[in-house]
Amino acid sequence: MLSLVWEKRSIPLYWRLLDKRGCSNICEQQALITPVLELLSDYEAIVLGDSLRDSFASREFGSVKLASWLCNKQVKFILRVKQGRYIQSENSDYILLSDLGLLPGTSFYLSDVKFTKQKGLGTFDIAGYWRGKYQGKQEDKAWYLLTNVGTFKQSIDTFKCRNGIETMFKDCKSGGYYLERSPANNQRLNPLILLIAFAYNSAVILCQKIKTMGVEKYVGRLTE
């Protein structure tokens, strides 16, 4: 499923059902993304993806093949990748991302590096970011972002929108709609997802209107 991030919220936009378990391959990802790129051709789109298993959403969209394909399509992207991947700067040896010394409260931005040892896939930028302790809490993992947006700030600020995607996927699953518990077959699953998409999109639009009106604190009083 692909979702559209709007006003830091995420709404379901397009999906495909696969007749298998496990992650999708690059061809299936291209088939999923291409119609959405055509739909949004009048806008500047940035594809966000994640390859980490602790992520609710987009956890399979972090491959260098996908990044190379998006570059060829002249589409901007920010893909979170695992720290066990190799990179190579010009005139230097390959090094693991985990060996770059990223610590809580630190960051870096590397331009035009080779990502992984696969040949012929071009060069990309790598943004590394590990947020420092905030409100007494410390993030347990850093971000390693494969990107072509051009700046560290835009890479980090844009990828933070992923939190809205995480929330949406959790709501579709254990957070409310319990989609993963549905016994529906493929014929019935598509209409079910469509209903959830309409309901979720309507809720997000209504919440945005309430926010614009400035009456959030009067909505959903849990003590009354």
N, C-alpha and C. Protein backbone atom coordinates (compact mmCIF):
# COMPACT_ATOMS: atom_id res chain seq x y z
N MET A 1 0.84 -1.19 0.00
CA MET A 1 0.00 0.00 0.00
C MET A 1 0.88 1.25 0.00
N LEU A 2 0.50 2.23 -0.81
CA LEU A 2 1.14 3.53 -0.78
C LEU A 2 0.17 4.53 -0.17
N SER A 3 0.71 5.46 0.60
CA SER A 3 -0.13 6.47 1.23
C SER A 3 0.39 7.85 0.89
N LEU A 4 -0.48 8.82 1.00
CA LEU A 4 -0.14 10.21 0.72
C LEU A 4 -0.02 10.96 2.03
N VAL A 5 1.13 11.59 2.25
CA VAL A 5 1.34 12.38 3.46
C VAL A 5 0.83 13.79 3.19
N TRP A 6 -0.10 14.23 4.01
CA TRP A 6 -0.74 15.54 3.84
C TRP A 6 -0.90 16.17 5.20
N GLU A 7 -0.31 17.38 5.34
CA GLU A 7 -0.36 18.08 6.62
C GLU A 7 0.12 17.19 7.77
N LYS A 8 1.23 16.47 7.52
CA LYS A 8 1.85 15.56 8.49
C LYS A 8 0.95 14.38 8.86
N ARG A 9 -0.12 14.21 8.12
CA ARG A 9 -0.97 13.04 8.29
C ARG A 9 -0.89 12.20 7.03
N SER A 10 -1.22 10.94 7.16
CA SER A 10 -1.12 10.03 6.03
C SER A 10 -2.48 9.43 5.73
N ILE A 11 -2.81 9.35 4.43
CA ILE A 11 -4.07 8.75 4.02
C ILE A 11 -3.79 7.69 2.96
N PRO A 12 -4.53 6.56 2.99
CA PRO A 12 -4.34 5.50 1.99
C PRO A 12 -4.63 6.03 0.59
N LEU A 13 -3.77 5.70 -0.36
CA LEU A 13 -3.91 6.23 -1.71
C LEU A 13 -4.03 5.14 -2.77
N TYR A 14 -3.17 4.11 -2.70
CA TYR A 14 -3.15 3.09 -3.74
C TYR A 14 -2.55 1.81 -3.18
N TRP A 15 -3.08 0.67 -3.59
CA TRP A 15 -2.56 -0.60 -3.09
C TRP A 15 -2.74 -1.69 -4.14
N ARG A 16 -1.98 -2.75 -3.97
CA ARG A 16 -2.08 -3.95 -4.81
C ARG A 16 -2.00 -5.17 -3.92
N LEU A 17 -2.80 -6.18 -4.22
CA LEU A 17 -2.76 -7.43 -3.48
C LEU A 17 -1.83 -8.41 -4.19
N LEU A 18 -0.94 -9.04 -3.43
CA LEU A 18 0.00 -10.02 -3.98
C LEU A 18 -0.43 -11.42 -3.57
N ASP A 19 -0.27 -12.37 -4.47
CA ASP A 19 -0.67 -13.75 -4.19
C ASP A 19 0.48 -14.53 -3.55
N LYS A 20 1.09 -13.93 -2.54
CA LYS A 20 2.21 -14.58 -1.85
C LYS A 20 2.40 -13.93 -0.50
N ARG A 21 3.17 -14.58 0.34
CA ARG A 21 3.59 -14.01 1.62
C ARG A 21 4.98 -13.40 1.46
N GLY A 22 5.34 -12.54 2.40
CA GLY A 22 6.68 -11.96 2.37
C GLY A 22 6.72 -10.63 1.63
N CYS A 23 7.93 -10.13 1.45
CA CYS A 23 8.13 -8.82 0.86
C CYS A 23 7.97 -8.84 -0.65
N SER A 24 7.69 -7.68 -1.21
CA SER A 24 7.58 -7.54 -2.65
C SER A 24 8.97 -7.40 -3.27
N ASN A 25 9.08 -7.71 -4.56
CA ASN A 25 10.34 -7.53 -5.27
C ASN A 25 10.32 -6.20 -6.03
N ILE A 26 11.41 -5.88 -6.70
CA ILE A 26 11.54 -4.58 -7.35
C ILE A 26 10.49 -4.40 -8.45
N CYS A 27 10.17 -5.46 -9.19
CA CYS A 27 9.16 -5.35 -10.25
C CYS A 27 7.79 -5.05 -9.67
N GLU A 28 7.46 -5.68 -8.58
CA GLU A 28 6.17 -5.44 -7.92
C GLU A 28 6.12 -4.04 -7.32
N GLN A 29 7.24 -3.56 -6.82
CA GLN A 29 7.29 -2.20 -6.29
C GLN A 29 7.13 -1.17 -7.40
N GLN A 30 7.75 -1.42 -8.55
CA GLN A 30 7.60 -0.51 -9.68
C GLN A 30 6.15 -0.47 -10.15
N ALA A 31 5.50 -1.64 -10.19
CA ALA A 31 4.10 -1.70 -10.60
C ALA A 31 3.20 -0.96 -9.63
N LEU A 32 3.56 -0.94 -8.36
CA LEU A 32 2.79 -0.23 -7.34
C LEU A 32 2.99 1.28 -7.44
N ILE A 33 4.22 1.71 -7.65
CA ILE A 33 4.55 3.14 -7.59
C ILE A 33 4.22 3.87 -8.88
N THR A 34 4.35 3.21 -10.04
CA THR A 34 4.19 3.88 -11.32
C THR A 34 2.83 4.59 -11.48
N PRO A 35 1.69 3.95 -11.18
CA PRO A 35 0.41 4.66 -11.33
C PRO A 35 0.30 5.89 -10.44
N VAL A 36 0.91 5.83 -9.26
CA VAL A 36 0.84 6.97 -8.34
C VAL A 36 1.68 8.12 -8.87
N LEU A 37 2.84 7.82 -9.43
CA LEU A 37 3.67 8.87 -10.02
C LEU A 37 2.94 9.55 -11.18
N GLU A 38 2.21 8.75 -11.96
CA GLU A 38 1.42 9.32 -13.06
C GLU A 38 0.29 10.19 -12.52
N LEU A 39 -0.34 9.74 -11.45
CA LEU A 39 -1.43 10.50 -10.84
C LEU A 39 -0.94 11.84 -10.30
N LEU A 40 0.27 11.85 -9.76
CA LEU A 40 0.83 13.06 -9.13
C LEU A 40 1.85 13.75 -10.03
N SER A 41 1.73 13.56 -11.32
CA SER A 41 2.73 14.11 -12.25
C SER A 41 2.80 15.63 -12.24
N ASP A 42 1.73 16.29 -11.79
CA ASP A 42 1.73 17.77 -11.74
C ASP A 42 2.30 18.30 -10.43
N TYR A 43 2.73 17.40 -9.56
CA TYR A 43 3.25 17.80 -8.25
C TYR A 43 4.67 17.27 -8.08
N GLU A 44 5.39 17.90 -7.17
CA GLU A 44 6.71 17.40 -6.82
C GLU A 44 6.56 16.36 -5.71
N ALA A 45 6.74 15.12 -6.06
CA ALA A 45 6.56 14.03 -5.10
C ALA A 45 7.89 13.57 -4.56
N ILE A 46 7.91 13.17 -3.30
CA ILE A 46 9.08 12.56 -2.68
C ILE A 46 8.65 11.22 -2.11
N VAL A 47 9.28 10.15 -2.55
CA VAL A 47 8.95 8.81 -2.09
C VAL A 47 9.69 8.51 -0.79
N LEU A 48 8.95 8.13 0.25
CA LEU A 48 9.54 7.74 1.53
C LEU A 48 9.41 6.23 1.68
N GLY A 49 10.48 5.60 2.11
CA GLY A 49 10.45 4.16 2.30
C GLY A 49 11.31 3.74 3.46
N ASP A 50 11.09 2.52 3.93
CA ASP A 50 11.79 2.03 5.11
C ASP A 50 12.08 0.55 4.93
N SER A 51 13.27 0.12 5.30
CA SER A 51 13.63 -1.29 5.16
C SER A 51 13.81 -1.98 6.51
N LEU A 52 13.50 -1.29 7.60
CA LEU A 52 13.69 -1.87 8.92
C LEU A 52 12.48 -2.68 9.34
N ARG A 53 12.73 -3.80 10.00
CA ARG A 53 11.66 -4.72 10.38
C ARG A 53 10.82 -4.22 11.53
N ASP A 54 11.31 -3.20 12.27
CA ASP A 54 10.51 -2.70 13.38
C ASP A 54 9.55 -1.61 12.94
N SER A 55 9.47 -1.40 11.65
CA SER A 55 8.59 -0.38 11.12
C SER A 55 7.25 -0.98 10.73
N PHE A 56 6.15 -0.28 11.02
CA PHE A 56 4.83 -0.75 10.61
C PHE A 56 4.67 -0.63 9.10
N ALA A 57 5.27 0.42 8.52
CA ALA A 57 4.97 0.76 7.14
C ALA A 57 6.21 0.80 6.27
N SER A 58 6.02 0.38 5.02
CA SER A 58 7.04 0.53 3.98
C SER A 58 8.36 -0.12 4.33
N ARG A 59 8.36 -1.19 5.11
CA ARG A 59 9.61 -1.72 5.61
C ARG A 59 10.38 -2.50 4.56
N GLU A 60 9.79 -2.66 3.37
CA GLU A 60 10.51 -3.37 2.32
C GLU A 60 11.01 -2.43 1.23
N PHE A 61 10.77 -1.13 1.38
CA PHE A 61 11.12 -0.17 0.35
C PHE A 61 12.42 0.54 0.71
N GLY A 62 13.51 -0.21 0.71
CA GLY A 62 14.79 0.39 1.04
C GLY A 62 15.92 -0.17 0.20
N SER A 63 15.64 -0.60 -1.03
CA SER A 63 16.65 -1.25 -1.84
C SER A 63 17.34 -0.25 -2.76
N VAL A 64 18.60 -0.54 -3.08
CA VAL A 64 19.35 0.32 -3.98
C VAL A 64 18.79 0.24 -5.40
N LYS A 65 18.18 -0.90 -5.77
CA LYS A 65 17.56 -1.01 -7.09
C LYS A 65 16.38 -0.07 -7.21
N LEU A 66 15.59 0.04 -6.14
CA LEU A 66 14.47 0.98 -6.14
C LEU A 66 14.98 2.41 -6.24
N ALA A 67 16.04 2.73 -5.49
CA ALA A 67 16.62 4.07 -5.54
C ALA A 67 17.12 4.41 -6.94
N SER A 68 17.79 3.46 -7.57
CA SER A 68 18.31 3.69 -8.92
C SER A 68 17.17 3.90 -9.91
N TRP A 69 16.11 3.12 -9.77
CA TRP A 69 14.96 3.26 -10.67
C TRP A 69 14.29 4.62 -10.48
N LEU A 70 14.14 5.07 -9.25
CA LEU A 70 13.54 6.38 -8.99
C LEU A 70 14.41 7.50 -9.54
N CYS A 71 15.72 7.35 -9.44
CA CYS A 71 16.63 8.34 -10.03
C CYS A 71 16.43 8.43 -11.54
N ASN A 72 16.31 7.29 -12.18
CA ASN A 72 16.09 7.26 -13.63
C ASN A 72 14.77 7.92 -14.01
N LYS A 73 13.80 7.83 -13.10
CA LYS A 73 12.50 8.46 -13.31
C LYS A 73 12.51 9.93 -12.91
N GLN A 74 13.66 10.41 -12.41
CA GLN A 74 13.80 11.79 -11.92
C GLN A 74 12.81 12.08 -10.80
N VAL A 75 12.67 11.11 -9.91
CA VAL A 75 11.80 11.24 -8.75
C VAL A 75 12.66 11.31 -7.50
N LYS A 76 12.35 12.23 -6.62
CA LYS A 76 13.08 12.36 -5.36
C LYS A 76 12.63 11.27 -4.39
N PHE A 77 13.55 10.87 -3.52
CA PHE A 77 13.23 9.81 -2.58
C PHE A 77 14.08 9.94 -1.33
N ILE A 78 13.59 9.34 -0.25
CA ILE A 78 14.34 9.19 1.00
C ILE A 78 14.00 7.80 1.51
N LEU A 79 14.97 6.91 1.51
CA LEU A 79 14.76 5.52 1.89
C LEU A 79 15.63 5.19 3.09
N ARG A 80 15.02 4.76 4.17
CA ARG A 80 15.79 4.36 5.34
C ARG A 80 16.38 2.97 5.09
N VAL A 81 17.68 2.84 5.31
CA VAL A 81 18.37 1.58 5.04
C VAL A 81 19.04 1.07 6.31
N LYS A 82 19.44 -0.19 6.27
CA LYS A 82 20.05 -0.82 7.43
C LYS A 82 21.51 -0.39 7.59
N GLN A 83 21.95 -0.37 8.83
CA GLN A 83 23.30 0.08 9.12
C GLN A 83 24.37 -0.92 8.68
N GLY A 84 23.97 -2.11 8.28
CA GLY A 84 24.92 -3.12 7.84
C GLY A 84 25.23 -3.05 6.35
N ARG A 85 24.85 -1.96 5.67
CA ARG A 85 25.13 -1.81 4.26
C ARG A 85 26.46 -1.09 4.05
N TYR A 86 27.10 -1.40 2.94
CA TYR A 86 28.40 -0.81 2.61
C TYR A 86 28.22 0.44 1.75
N ILE A 87 29.10 1.42 1.96
CA ILE A 87 29.18 2.58 1.08
C ILE A 87 30.64 2.82 0.71
N GLN A 88 30.85 3.55 -0.36
CA GLN A 88 32.21 3.88 -0.79
C GLN A 88 32.24 5.30 -1.33
N SER A 89 33.04 6.15 -0.70
CA SER A 89 33.27 7.49 -1.22
C SER A 89 34.37 7.44 -2.26
N GLU A 90 34.55 8.51 -2.99
CA GLU A 90 35.56 8.55 -4.04
C GLU A 90 36.97 8.35 -3.47
N ASN A 91 37.73 7.49 -4.11
CA ASN A 91 39.13 7.22 -3.73
C ASN A 91 39.26 6.66 -2.31
N SER A 92 38.29 5.88 -1.89
CA SER A 92 38.37 5.28 -0.56
C SER A 92 37.84 3.85 -0.63
N ASP A 93 38.06 3.09 0.43
CA ASP A 93 37.58 1.72 0.49
C ASP A 93 36.12 1.68 0.95
N TYR A 94 35.49 0.52 0.74
CA TYR A 94 34.12 0.33 1.23
C TYR A 94 34.14 0.32 2.76
N ILE A 95 33.08 0.87 3.35
CA ILE A 95 32.96 0.91 4.81
C ILE A 95 31.49 0.70 5.17
N LEU A 96 31.27 0.03 6.29
CA LEU A 96 29.90 -0.16 6.77
C LEU A 96 29.34 1.14 7.32
N LEU A 97 28.05 1.35 7.12
CA LEU A 97 27.41 2.53 7.70
C LEU A 97 27.56 2.54 9.22
N SER A 98 27.52 1.37 9.83
CA SER A 98 27.63 1.28 11.28
C SER A 98 29.00 1.69 11.80
N ASP A 99 30.00 1.74 10.90
CA ASP A 99 31.36 2.12 11.30
C ASP A 99 31.64 3.61 11.14
N LEU A 100 30.62 4.39 10.81
CA LEU A 100 30.83 5.82 10.61
C LEU A 100 30.78 6.61 11.91
N GLY A 101 30.52 5.94 13.02
CA GLY A 101 30.60 6.58 14.34
C GLY A 101 29.42 7.44 14.70
N LEU A 102 28.25 7.14 14.15
CA LEU A 102 27.06 7.92 14.49
C LEU A 102 26.61 7.61 15.92
N LEU A 103 26.46 8.66 16.73
CA LEU A 103 26.07 8.53 18.13
C LEU A 103 24.86 9.40 18.42
N PRO A 104 24.15 9.16 19.53
CA PRO A 104 23.01 10.01 19.87
C PRO A 104 23.40 11.48 19.90
N GLY A 105 22.61 12.31 19.23
CA GLY A 105 22.87 13.74 19.18
C GLY A 105 23.79 14.16 18.06
N THR A 106 24.19 13.23 17.19
CA THR A 106 25.10 13.57 16.09
C THR A 106 24.44 13.28 14.75
N SER A 107 25.08 13.75 13.67
CA SER A 107 24.54 13.55 12.33
C SER A 107 25.66 13.73 11.31
N PHE A 108 25.37 13.35 10.07
CA PHE A 108 26.32 13.59 8.98
C PHE A 108 25.56 13.58 7.66
N TYR A 109 26.21 14.08 6.62
CA TYR A 109 25.64 14.05 5.27
C TYR A 109 26.76 13.81 4.28
N LEU A 110 26.68 12.72 3.53
CA LEU A 110 27.69 12.36 2.54
C LEU A 110 27.08 12.43 1.15
N SER A 111 27.78 13.06 0.24
CA SER A 111 27.28 13.23 -1.12
C SER A 111 28.01 12.30 -2.09
N ASP A 112 27.27 11.84 -3.09
CA ASP A 112 27.84 11.07 -4.21
C ASP A 112 28.66 9.88 -3.75
N VAL A 113 28.04 8.99 -3.00
CA VAL A 113 28.72 7.78 -2.56
C VAL A 113 28.07 6.57 -3.23
N LYS A 114 28.86 5.52 -3.41
CA LYS A 114 28.34 4.26 -3.90
C LYS A 114 27.70 3.53 -2.72
N PHE A 115 26.52 3.00 -2.97
CA PHE A 115 25.80 2.31 -1.90
C PHE A 115 25.72 0.84 -2.26
N THR A 116 26.25 0.01 -1.41
CA THR A 116 26.43 -1.44 -1.61
C THR A 116 27.50 -1.69 -2.67
N LYS A 117 27.89 -2.94 -2.80
CA LYS A 117 28.94 -3.31 -3.74
C LYS A 117 28.40 -3.72 -5.11
N GLN A 118 27.11 -3.55 -5.32
CA GLN A 118 26.54 -3.83 -6.62
C GLN A 118 26.95 -2.76 -7.62
N LYS A 119 27.32 -3.16 -8.80
CA LYS A 119 27.84 -2.23 -9.80
C LYS A 119 26.72 -1.72 -10.71
N GLY A 120 26.99 -0.54 -11.27
CA GLY A 120 26.10 0.01 -12.28
C GLY A 120 24.84 0.66 -11.76
N LEU A 121 24.76 0.97 -10.47
CA LEU A 121 23.54 1.54 -9.89
C LEU A 121 23.68 3.01 -9.55
N GLY A 122 24.82 3.61 -9.87
CA GLY A 122 25.00 5.04 -9.65
C GLY A 122 25.41 5.40 -8.23
N THR A 123 25.44 6.69 -7.97
CA THR A 123 25.81 7.21 -6.65
C THR A 123 24.63 7.96 -6.04
N PHE A 124 24.63 8.01 -4.70
CA PHE A 124 23.54 8.64 -3.98
C PHE A 124 24.12 9.44 -2.81
N ASP A 125 23.26 10.16 -2.12
CA ASP A 125 23.63 10.82 -0.88
C ASP A 125 23.17 9.97 0.30
N ILE A 126 23.89 10.10 1.41
CA ILE A 126 23.53 9.39 2.64
C ILE A 126 23.42 10.41 3.77
N ALA A 127 22.27 10.46 4.41
CA ALA A 127 22.08 11.30 5.59
C ALA A 127 22.03 10.40 6.82
N GLY A 128 22.86 10.71 7.80
CA GLY A 128 22.84 9.98 9.07
C GLY A 128 22.34 10.89 10.17
N TYR A 129 21.44 10.38 10.99
CA TYR A 129 20.84 11.22 12.04
C TYR A 129 20.44 10.35 13.22
N TRP A 130 20.86 10.77 14.40
CA TRP A 130 20.46 10.08 15.64
C TRP A 130 20.03 11.17 16.62
N ARG A 131 18.75 11.27 16.81
CA ARG A 131 18.23 12.33 17.67
C ARG A 131 18.73 12.17 19.09
N GLY A 132 19.09 13.29 19.71
CA GLY A 132 19.52 13.27 21.10
C GLY A 132 18.35 13.04 22.04
N LYS A 133 18.62 12.95 23.31
CA LYS A 133 17.58 12.68 24.30
C LYS A 133 16.55 13.82 24.28
N TYR A 134 15.28 13.45 24.25
CA TYR A 134 14.21 14.43 24.18
C TYR A 134 13.15 14.07 25.21
N GLN A 135 12.85 15.01 26.10
CA GLN A 135 11.89 14.80 27.17
C GLN A 135 12.20 13.54 27.97
N GLY A 136 13.49 13.35 28.21
CA GLY A 136 13.94 12.23 29.02
C GLY A 136 14.00 10.90 28.30
N LYS A 137 13.68 10.89 27.00
CA LYS A 137 13.69 9.64 26.24
C LYS A 137 14.78 9.67 25.18
N GLN A 138 15.37 8.52 24.94
CA GLN A 138 16.45 8.40 23.97
C GLN A 138 16.06 7.39 22.89
N GLU A 139 16.11 7.81 21.63
CA GLU A 139 15.87 6.89 20.52
C GLU A 139 16.93 5.79 20.54
N ASP A 140 16.51 4.54 20.35
CA ASP A 140 17.46 3.44 20.44
C ASP A 140 18.15 3.14 19.12
N LYS A 141 17.70 3.78 18.02
CA LYS A 141 18.33 3.52 16.73
C LYS A 141 18.50 4.82 15.95
N ALA A 142 19.52 4.82 15.10
CA ALA A 142 19.79 5.97 14.25
C ALA A 142 19.07 5.83 12.92
N TRP A 143 19.00 6.93 12.17
CA TRP A 143 18.49 6.90 10.82
C TRP A 143 19.67 6.93 9.85
N TYR A 144 19.68 6.01 8.91
CA TYR A 144 20.60 6.05 7.78
C TYR A 144 19.72 6.16 6.53
N LEU A 145 19.76 7.30 5.88
CA LEU A 145 18.81 7.59 4.81
C LEU A 145 19.52 7.69 3.47
N LEU A 146 19.10 6.87 2.54
CA LEU A 146 19.56 6.92 1.16
C LEU A 146 18.67 7.91 0.42
N THR A 147 19.24 8.93 -0.20
CA THR A 147 18.40 10.00 -0.72
C THR A 147 19.04 10.71 -1.92
N ASN A 148 18.21 11.48 -2.60
CA ASN A 148 18.69 12.35 -3.68
C ASN A 148 18.06 13.73 -3.60
N VAL A 149 17.53 14.11 -2.42
CA VAL A 149 16.85 15.40 -2.30
C VAL A 149 17.83 16.57 -2.26
N GLY A 150 19.09 16.31 -1.88
CA GLY A 150 20.11 17.34 -2.03
C GLY A 150 20.62 18.01 -0.78
N THR A 151 19.86 17.98 0.32
CA THR A 151 20.32 18.64 1.55
C THR A 151 20.00 17.78 2.75
N PHE A 152 20.80 17.94 3.79
CA PHE A 152 20.57 17.21 5.04
C PHE A 152 19.25 17.62 5.68
N LYS A 153 18.99 18.92 5.76
CA LYS A 153 17.81 19.41 6.45
C LYS A 153 16.52 18.90 5.78
N GLN A 154 16.45 18.98 4.46
CA GLN A 154 15.24 18.52 3.80
C GLN A 154 15.07 17.02 3.95
N SER A 155 16.18 16.29 3.94
CA SER A 155 16.11 14.84 4.10
C SER A 155 15.50 14.48 5.45
N ILE A 156 16.00 15.11 6.52
CA ILE A 156 15.52 14.79 7.87
C ILE A 156 14.11 15.30 8.09
N ASP A 157 13.86 16.57 7.73
CA ASP A 157 12.54 17.15 7.95
C ASP A 157 11.45 16.39 7.20
N THR A 158 11.76 15.96 5.98
CA THR A 158 10.77 15.25 5.18
C THR A 158 10.55 13.85 5.72
N PHE A 159 11.62 13.17 6.11
CA PHE A 159 11.46 11.79 6.58
C PHE A 159 10.71 11.73 7.90
N LYS A 160 10.71 12.81 8.65
CA LYS A 160 9.94 12.83 9.88
C LYS A 160 8.45 12.66 9.62
N CYS A 161 8.02 12.99 8.38
CA CYS A 161 6.62 12.79 8.02
C CYS A 161 6.23 11.33 8.03
N ARG A 162 7.22 10.45 8.01
CA ARG A 162 6.97 9.01 8.05
C ARG A 162 6.18 8.62 9.30
N ASN A 163 6.27 9.41 10.37
CA ASN A 163 5.52 9.09 11.59
C ASN A 163 4.02 9.02 11.30
N GLY A 164 3.55 9.87 10.37
CA GLY A 164 2.15 9.82 10.00
C GLY A 164 1.80 8.53 9.28
N ILE A 165 2.75 8.02 8.49
CA ILE A 165 2.53 6.76 7.79
C ILE A 165 2.47 5.61 8.79
N GLU A 166 3.37 5.64 9.78
CA GLU A 166 3.37 4.62 10.81
C GLU A 166 2.04 4.58 11.54
N THR A 167 1.53 5.76 11.87
CA THR A 167 0.26 5.86 12.59
C THR A 167 -0.89 5.30 11.77
N MET A 168 -0.89 5.64 10.47
CA MET A 168 -1.96 5.16 9.61
C MET A 168 -1.96 3.63 9.52
N PHE A 169 -0.80 3.03 9.33
CA PHE A 169 -0.74 1.58 9.21
C PHE A 169 -1.13 0.91 10.53
N LYS A 170 -0.77 1.50 11.64
CA LYS A 170 -1.17 0.92 12.92
C LYS A 170 -2.68 1.02 13.09
N ASP A 171 -3.26 2.15 12.68
CA ASP A 171 -4.72 2.29 12.77
C ASP A 171 -5.43 1.26 11.90
N CYS A 172 -4.86 0.98 10.73
CA CYS A 172 -5.48 -0.01 9.84
C CYS A 172 -5.35 -1.41 10.40
N LYS A 173 -4.38 -1.62 11.28
CA LYS A 173 -4.18 -2.94 11.85
C LYS A 173 -4.68 -2.97 13.29
N SER A 174 -3.77 -3.06 14.25
CA SER A 174 -4.17 -3.25 15.64
C SER A 174 -4.72 -1.99 16.29
N GLY A 175 -4.58 -0.83 15.65
CA GLY A 175 -5.02 0.42 16.26
C GLY A 175 -6.48 0.76 16.08
N GLY A 176 -7.22 -0.05 15.30
CA GLY A 176 -8.61 0.29 15.12
C GLY A 176 -9.38 -0.59 14.16
N TYR A 177 -8.91 -0.70 12.91
CA TYR A 177 -9.67 -1.43 11.90
C TYR A 177 -9.39 -2.93 11.89
N TYR A 178 -8.30 -3.36 12.49
CA TYR A 178 -7.95 -4.79 12.61
C TYR A 178 -8.01 -5.52 11.26
N LEU A 179 -7.40 -4.88 10.26
CA LEU A 179 -7.45 -5.44 8.92
C LEU A 179 -6.76 -6.80 8.85
N GLU A 180 -5.69 -6.98 9.64
CA GLU A 180 -4.95 -8.24 9.56
C GLU A 180 -5.74 -9.42 10.11
N ARG A 181 -6.81 -9.15 10.85
CA ARG A 181 -7.62 -10.23 11.40
C ARG A 181 -8.80 -10.61 10.50
N SER A 182 -8.93 -9.90 9.40
CA SER A 182 -10.06 -10.17 8.52
C SER A 182 -9.90 -11.51 7.83
N PRO A 183 -10.95 -12.35 7.82
CA PRO A 183 -10.88 -13.65 7.13
C PRO A 183 -11.26 -13.55 5.66
N ALA A 184 -11.44 -12.32 5.14
CA ALA A 184 -11.92 -12.13 3.77
C ALA A 184 -10.91 -12.64 2.76
N ASN A 185 -11.43 -13.22 1.66
CA ASN A 185 -10.55 -13.62 0.57
C ASN A 185 -10.22 -12.39 -0.28
N ASN A 186 -9.40 -12.59 -1.33
CA ASN A 186 -8.97 -11.45 -2.14
C ASN A 186 -10.13 -10.71 -2.78
N GLN A 187 -11.17 -11.44 -3.17
CA GLN A 187 -12.31 -10.82 -3.82
C GLN A 187 -13.03 -9.85 -2.88
N ARG A 188 -13.08 -10.20 -1.60
CA ARG A 188 -13.75 -9.34 -0.63
C ARG A 188 -12.80 -8.38 0.06
N LEU A 189 -11.51 -8.71 0.03
CA LEU A 189 -10.54 -7.88 0.74
C LEU A 189 -10.38 -6.51 0.09
N ASN A 190 -10.41 -6.46 -1.23
CA ASN A 190 -10.27 -5.18 -1.92
C ASN A 190 -11.39 -4.21 -1.55
N PRO A 191 -12.66 -4.61 -1.59
CA PRO A 191 -13.72 -3.69 -1.16
C PRO A 191 -13.57 -3.28 0.31
N LEU A 192 -13.10 -4.20 1.16
CA LEU A 192 -12.91 -3.88 2.57
C LEU A 192 -11.84 -2.81 2.75
N ILE A 193 -10.73 -2.95 2.04
CA ILE A 193 -9.67 -1.95 2.11
C ILE A 193 -10.17 -0.61 1.58
N LEU A 194 -10.99 -0.67 0.53
CA LEU A 194 -11.54 0.56 -0.04
C LEU A 194 -12.42 1.29 0.97
N LEU A 195 -13.25 0.54 1.70
CA LEU A 195 -14.09 1.15 2.73
C LEU A 195 -13.25 1.78 3.84
N ILE A 196 -12.19 1.06 4.25
CA ILE A 196 -11.29 1.61 5.27
C ILE A 196 -10.64 2.89 4.76
N ALA A 197 -10.23 2.89 3.49
CA ALA A 197 -9.58 4.07 2.92
C ALA A 197 -10.52 5.27 2.94
N PHE A 198 -11.79 5.05 2.53
CA PHE A 198 -12.76 6.14 2.56
C PHE A 198 -12.98 6.64 3.98
N ALA A 199 -13.15 5.72 4.92
CA ALA A 199 -13.39 6.10 6.31
C ALA A 199 -12.20 6.86 6.89
N TYR A 200 -11.00 6.35 6.62
CA TYR A 200 -9.81 6.98 7.19
C TYR A 200 -9.58 8.35 6.58
N ASN A 201 -9.75 8.45 5.25
CA ASN A 201 -9.57 9.75 4.59
C ASN A 201 -10.57 10.77 5.10
N SER A 202 -11.81 10.35 5.30
CA SER A 202 -12.83 11.25 5.83
C SER A 202 -12.47 11.74 7.23
N ALA A 203 -11.96 10.82 8.06
CA ALA A 203 -11.58 11.19 9.42
C ALA A 203 -10.43 12.19 9.42
N VAL A 204 -9.44 11.98 8.53
CA VAL A 204 -8.30 12.89 8.46
C VAL A 204 -8.74 14.28 8.00
N ILE A 205 -9.60 14.33 6.98
CA ILE A 205 -10.09 15.62 6.48
C ILE A 205 -10.88 16.34 7.56
N LEU A 206 -11.74 15.61 8.29
CA LEU A 206 -12.51 16.22 9.38
C LEU A 206 -11.59 16.75 10.48
N CYS A 207 -10.56 15.97 10.83
CA CYS A 207 -9.62 16.42 11.86
C CYS A 207 -8.91 17.70 11.43
N GLN A 208 -8.57 17.80 10.14
CA GLN A 208 -7.92 19.00 9.64
C GLN A 208 -8.84 20.21 9.74
N LYS A 209 -10.13 20.00 9.45
CA LYS A 209 -11.09 21.10 9.57
C LYS A 209 -11.22 21.55 11.02
N ILE A 210 -11.26 20.57 11.94
CA ILE A 210 -11.35 20.90 13.36
C ILE A 210 -10.12 21.67 13.82
N LYS A 211 -8.94 21.25 13.32
CA LYS A 211 -7.72 21.96 13.67
C LYS A 211 -7.75 23.39 13.16
N THR A 212 -8.26 23.59 11.95
CA THR A 212 -8.35 24.93 11.37
C THR A 212 -9.29 25.81 12.18
N MET A 213 -10.33 25.22 12.72
CA MET A 213 -11.29 25.97 13.53
C MET A 213 -10.74 26.31 14.91
N GLY A 214 -9.67 25.61 15.32
CA GLY A 214 -9.06 25.90 16.61
C GLY A 214 -9.86 25.39 17.80
N VAL A 215 -10.57 24.30 17.63
CA VAL A 215 -11.43 23.79 18.71
C VAL A 215 -11.01 22.38 19.13
N GLU A 216 -9.74 22.01 18.89
CA GLU A 216 -9.32 20.65 19.21
C GLU A 216 -9.54 20.29 20.67
N LYS A 217 -9.31 21.24 21.57
CA LYS A 217 -9.39 20.92 23.00
C LYS A 217 -10.83 20.64 23.45
N TYR A 218 -11.81 20.97 22.62
CA TYR A 218 -13.20 20.69 22.97
C TYR A 218 -13.70 19.38 22.40
N VAL A 219 -12.85 18.70 21.64
CA VAL A 219 -13.25 17.47 20.98
C VAL A 219 -12.68 16.27 21.72
N GLY A 220 -13.49 15.29 21.99
CA GLY A 220 -13.00 14.04 22.61
C GLY A 220 -12.53 14.24 24.04
N ARG A 221 -13.33 14.86 24.89
CA ARG A 221 -12.95 15.05 26.29
C ARG A 221 -13.05 13.70 27.02
N LEU A 222 -11.91 13.13 27.33
CA LEU A 222 -11.89 11.80 27.90
C LEU A 222 -12.38 11.75 29.34
N THR A 223 -12.45 12.91 30.03
CA THR A 223 -12.85 12.95 31.44
C THR A 223 -14.35 13.18 31.61
N GLU A 224 -15.05 13.33 30.51
CA GLU A 224 -16.49 13.61 30.62
C GLU A 224 -17.31 12.51 29.98
